[in-house]
C-alpha atoms as a PDB file:
ATOM      1  CA  SER A   1      89.055  97.430  83.952  1.00  0.00           C
ATOM      2  CA  THR A   2      87.556  96.079  87.122  1.00  0.00           C
ATOM      3  CA  PRO A   3      84.123  96.267  88.731  1.00  0.00           C
ATOM      4  CA  VAL A   4      85.491  98.979  91.047  1.00  0.00           C
ATOM      5  CA  SER A   5      86.770 101.141  88.183  1.00  0.00           C
ATOM      6  CA  ASP A   6      83.504 100.587  86.299  1.00  0.00           C
ATOM      7  CA  ALA A   7      81.471 101.751  89.303  1.00  0.00           C
ATOM      8  CA  LEU A   8      83.730 104.737  89.998  1.00  0.00           C
ATOM      9  CA  SER A   9      83.580 105.776  86.346  1.00  0.00           C
ATOM     10  CA  LYS A  10      79.798 105.538  86.384  1.00  0.00           C
ATOM     11  CA  ASP A  11      79.548 107.620  89.569  1.00  0.00           C
ATOM     12  CA  LEU A  12      81.895 110.287  88.201  1.00  0.00           C
ATOM     13  CA  ARG A  13      79.831 110.531  85.012  1.00  0.00           C
ATOM     14  CA  LYS A  14      76.691 111.017  87.126  1.00  0.00           C
ATOM     15  CA  ALA A  15      78.538 113.816  88.952  1.00  0.00           C
ATOM     16  CA  GLY A  16      79.133 115.617  85.654  1.00  0.00           C
ATOM     17  CA  PHE A  17      82.577 114.444  84.577  1.00  0.00           C
ATOM     18  CA  SER A  18      82.731 113.696  80.867  1.00  0.00           C
ATOM     19  CA  PHE A  19      86.122 112.101  80.129  1.00  0.00           C
ATOM     20  CA  VAL A  20      86.236 109.348  82.749  1.00  0.00           C
ATOM     21  CA  GLY A  21      86.025 105.950  81.135  1.00  0.00           C
ATOM     22  CA  THR A  22      86.827 102.822  83.076  1.00  0.00           C
ATOM     23  CA  THR A  23      90.368 102.641  81.619  1.00  0.00           C
ATOM     24  CA  ILE A  24      91.155 106.219  82.673  1.00  0.00           C
ATOM     25  CA  VAL A  25      89.806 105.536  86.158  1.00  0.00           C
ATOM     26  CA  TYR A  26      91.826 102.315  86.459  1.00  0.00           C
ATOM     27  CA  ALA A  27      95.005 104.148  85.404  1.00  0.00           C
ATOM     28  CA  PHE A  28      94.259 106.771  88.057  1.00  0.00           C
ATOM     29  CA  MET A  29      93.776 104.038  90.659  1.00  0.00           C
ATOM     30  CA  GLN A  30      97.202 102.629  89.744  1.00  0.00           C
ATOM     31  CA  ALA A  31      98.835 106.074  89.868  1.00  0.00           C
ATOM     32  CA  VAL A  32      97.568 106.882  93.358  1.00  0.00           C
ATOM     33  CA  GLY A  33      98.355 103.440  94.769  1.00  0.00           C
ATOM     34  CA  MET A  34      94.866 101.979  95.057  1.00  0.00           C
ATOM     35  CA  VAL A  35      95.921  99.116  92.761  1.00  0.00           C
ATOM     36  CA  ASP A  36      99.304  97.376  92.624  1.00  0.00           C
ATOM     37  CA  ASP A  37      99.653  95.428  89.387  1.00  0.00           C
ATOM     38  CA  HIS A  38     103.343  94.655  89.745  1.00  0.00           C
ATOM     39  CA  LEU A  39     104.260  90.972  89.610  1.00  0.00           C
ATOM     40  CA  VAL A  40     104.958  89.272  92.925  1.00  0.00           C
ATOM     41  CA  THR A  41     108.623  88.932  91.933  1.00  0.00           C
ATOM     42  CA  CYS A  42     108.969  92.607  90.935  1.00  0.00           C
ATOM     43  CA  TRP A  43     111.081  94.785  93.212  1.00  0.00           C
ATOM     44  CA  ARG A  44     108.465  97.568  92.974  1.00  0.00           C
ATOM     45  CA  ARG A  45     105.707  95.445  94.502  1.00  0.00           C
ATOM     46  CA  THR A  46     104.614  96.851  97.849  1.00  0.00           C
ATOM     47  CA  GLY A  47     104.142  93.514  99.593  1.00  0.00           C
ATOM     48  CA  LYS A  48     100.799  94.545 101.074  1.00  0.00           C
END
């Protein structure tokens, strides 16, 4: 988890979501491209 995923999870819980822990939010951030955790040498890394 990161401070960003912690904050987003907290905000979503305040909005009424119930199953949004920081790990779930971080996985979502990876899935939509907000976070790129590929190694620098990985061919899937975006280079941004």
